Each structure stands twice: as C-alpha cells, then as structure tokens.
C-alpha atoms as a PDB file:
ATOM      1  CA  MET A   1      94.805 155.084 135.822  1.00  0.00           C
ATOM      2  CA  GLU A   2      93.786 156.027 133.159  1.00  0.00           C
ATOM      3  CA  GLN A   3      97.029 155.274 130.975  1.00  0.00           C
ATOM      4  CA  SER A   4      96.866 152.137 132.991  1.00  0.00           C
ATOM      5  CA  GLN A   5      93.295 150.695 131.582  1.00  0.00           C
ATOM      6  CA  HIS A   6      95.164 151.957 128.426  1.00  0.00           C
ATOM      7  CA  LYS A   7      97.698 149.240 128.527  1.00  0.00           C
ATOM      8  CA  GLN A   8      95.777 146.605 129.891  1.00  0.00           C
ATOM      9  CA  ARG A   9      92.866 147.751 126.887  1.00  0.00           C
ATOM     10  CA  HIS A  10      95.996 146.901 124.426  1.00  0.00           C
ATOM     11  CA  ALA A  11      97.148 143.751 126.037  1.00  0.00           C
ATOM     12  CA  ALA A  12      93.717 142.639 125.718  1.00  0.00           C
ATOM     13  CA  ALA A  13      93.233 143.724 122.062  1.00  0.00           C
ATOM     14  CA  GLN A  14      96.902 142.130 121.315  1.00  0.00           C
ATOM     15  CA  GLU A  15      96.014 138.689 123.180  1.00  0.00           C
ATOM     16  CA  PHE A  16      92.836 138.650 121.057  1.00  0.00           C
ATOM     17  CA  GLN A  17      94.055 139.300 118.404  1.00  0.00           C
ATOM     18  CA  LYS A  18      96.421 136.539 118.232  1.00  0.00           C
ATOM     19  CA  SER A  19      93.279 133.975 119.659  1.00  0.00           C
ATOM     20  CA  LEU A  20      91.514 134.722 116.359  1.00  0.00           C
ATOM     21  CA  ASP A  21      94.636 133.703 113.977  1.00  0.00           C
ATOM     22  CA  GLU A  22      95.672 131.008 115.919  1.00  0.00           C
ATOM     23  CA  LEU A  23      91.818 129.871 115.494  1.00  0.00           C
ATOM     24  CA  GLN A  24      91.896 131.322 111.863  1.00  0.00           C
ATOM     25  CA  GLN A  25      95.436 129.081 111.223  1.00  0.00           C
ATOM     26  CA  ILE A  26      93.457 126.337 112.998  1.00  0.00           C
ATOM     27  CA  LEU A  27      90.269 126.172 110.738  1.00  0.00           C
ATOM     28  CA  GLN A  28      92.475 126.611 107.381  1.00  0.00           C
ATOM     29  CA  ASP A  29      94.667 123.976 108.430  1.00  0.00           C
ATOM     30  CA  ASN A  30      90.771 122.257 109.011  1.00  0.00           C
ATOM     31  CA  ALA A  31      89.677 122.632 105.434  1.00  0.00           C
ATOM     32  CA  THR A  32      93.059 121.450 103.952  1.00  0.00           C
ATOM     33  CA  GLN A  33      92.793 118.617 105.961  1.00  0.00           C
ATOM     34  CA  GLU A  34      89.148 117.837 104.294  1.00  0.00           C
ATOM     35  CA  GLN A  35      90.028 118.790 100.920  1.00  0.00           C
ATOM     36  CA  GLU A  36      93.334 116.601 100.700  1.00  0.00           C
ATOM     37  CA  MET A  37      90.610 113.980 102.517  1.00  0.00           C
ATOM     38  CA  SER A  38      88.125 114.192  99.258  1.00  0.00           C
ATOM     39  CA  GLN A  39      90.786 114.310  97.054  1.00  0.00           C
ATOM     40  CA  MET A  40      91.400 111.156  97.741  1.00  0.00           C
ATOM     41  CA  HIS A  41      87.979 109.706  98.348  1.00  0.00           C
ATOM     42  CA  ASP A  42      87.379 110.979  94.799  1.00  0.00           C
ATOM     43  CA  ARG A  43      90.544 109.138  93.734  1.00  0.00           C
ATOM     44  CA  THR A  44      89.204 106.009  95.693  1.00  0.00           C
ATOM     45  CA  ASP A  45      85.829 106.440  93.616  1.00  0.00           C
ATOM     46  CA  ASP A  46      87.546 106.701  90.317  1.00  0.00           C
ATOM     47  CA  ARG A  47      89.174 103.561  90.783  1.00  0.00           C
ATOM     48  CA  GLN A  48      86.605 101.651  92.080  1.00  0.00           C
ATOM     49  CA  VAL A  49      85.015 102.870  88.889  1.00  0.00           C
ATOM     50  CA  VAL A  50      87.805 101.814  86.591  1.00  0.00           C
ATOM     51  CA  GLU A  51      87.849  98.174  88.428  1.00  0.00           C
ATOM     52  CA  ASN A  52      84.022  97.856  88.047  1.00  0.00           C
ATOM     53  CA  CYS A  53      84.192  99.062  84.460  1.00  0.00           C
ATOM     54  CA  SER A  54      86.957  96.566  84.400  1.00  0.00           C
ATOM     55  CA  ALA A  55      85.613  93.628  86.177  1.00  0.00           C
ATOM     56  CA  ILE A  56      82.130  94.466  84.154  1.00  0.00           C
ATOM     57  CA  ASP A  57      84.459  93.697  80.965  1.00  0.00           C
ATOM     58  CA  LEU A  58      86.013  90.929  82.043  1.00  0.00           C
ATOM     59  CA  ALA A  59      82.444  89.196  82.937  1.00  0.00           C
ATOM     60  CA  ALA A  60      81.424  90.308  78.884  1.00  0.00           C
ATOM     61  CA  TRP A  61      84.720  88.970  77.814  1.00  0.00           C
ATOM     62  CA  GLU A  62      84.219  85.366  79.623  1.00  0.00           C
ATOM     63  CA  ASP A  63      80.146  85.168  78.809  1.00  0.00           C
ATOM     64  CA  ALA A  64      81.570  85.227  75.296  1.00  0.00           C
ATOM     65  CA  VAL A  65      83.932  83.152  75.091  1.00  0.00           C
ATOM     66  CA  ALA A  66      81.755  80.639  76.605  1.00  0.00           C
ATOM     67  CA  ASP A  67      78.882  81.030  74.333  1.00  0.00           C
ATOM     68  CA  ILE A  68      81.730  81.236  71.154  1.00  0.00           C
ATOM     69  CA  GLU A  69      83.086  77.970  73.017  1.00  0.00           C
ATOM     70  CA  GLN A  70      79.740  76.235  73.060  1.00  0.00           C
ATOM     71  CA  TYR A  71      78.613  77.012  69.262  1.00  0.00           C
ATOM     72  CA  LEU A  72      81.731  75.800  68.631  1.00  0.00           C
ATOM     73  CA  GLN A  73      81.263  72.177  70.573  1.00  0.00           C
ATOM     74  CA  GLU A  74      77.895  72.174  69.018  1.00  0.00           C
ATOM     75  CA  LYS A  75      78.902  72.647  65.514  1.00  0.00           C
ATOM     76  CA  GLY A  76      81.793  70.149  65.133  1.00  0.00           C
ATOM     77  CA  LYS A  77      78.749  67.214  67.236  1.00  0.00           C
ATOM     78  CA  ALA A  78      77.205  68.434  63.801  1.00  0.00           C
ATOM     79  CA  GLU A  79      79.537  67.524  61.841  1.00  0.00           C
END
C-alpha cells in the first residue's frame, strides 16, 4: 500500500511540475508579447514626434516664406 501511495505521489508531483513548467512558458510568452508591443508603441511614439516636429518646422518655414513674400510685395509697392 505504501508503494502505491508513493507512486501516486510521485505521479502527482510530476504532473504538478509539468503544470508549473507550462505556466512558466505561458508567462514568458506573455512577457515577450508585452515587450514587443511596448517596443512597437515606442517606435510609433518616436515616429509621431518626428512627424510633429516636421509639421512644426514646415509650418514655421511656410510662415517665414509668407512673411518674406509680404515684405517683398510691400517693398515693391513703395518703390
């Protein structure tokens, strides 16, 4: 009887260890996916910053050109 209980405990311990290993793999997979999503999000944020900076720079250039054109028109009228 003791030998049967020992075998059952051993089998249960093996199943428990197998379940722990599966859980650990699932958690590692989730952590990897979260890290990949975070990196993708960071890249998106970087791209948005660059696009916003480009838009700001472009707007500043457009304003500057408009100011120069207005100055030249006023100067041409004055002459």
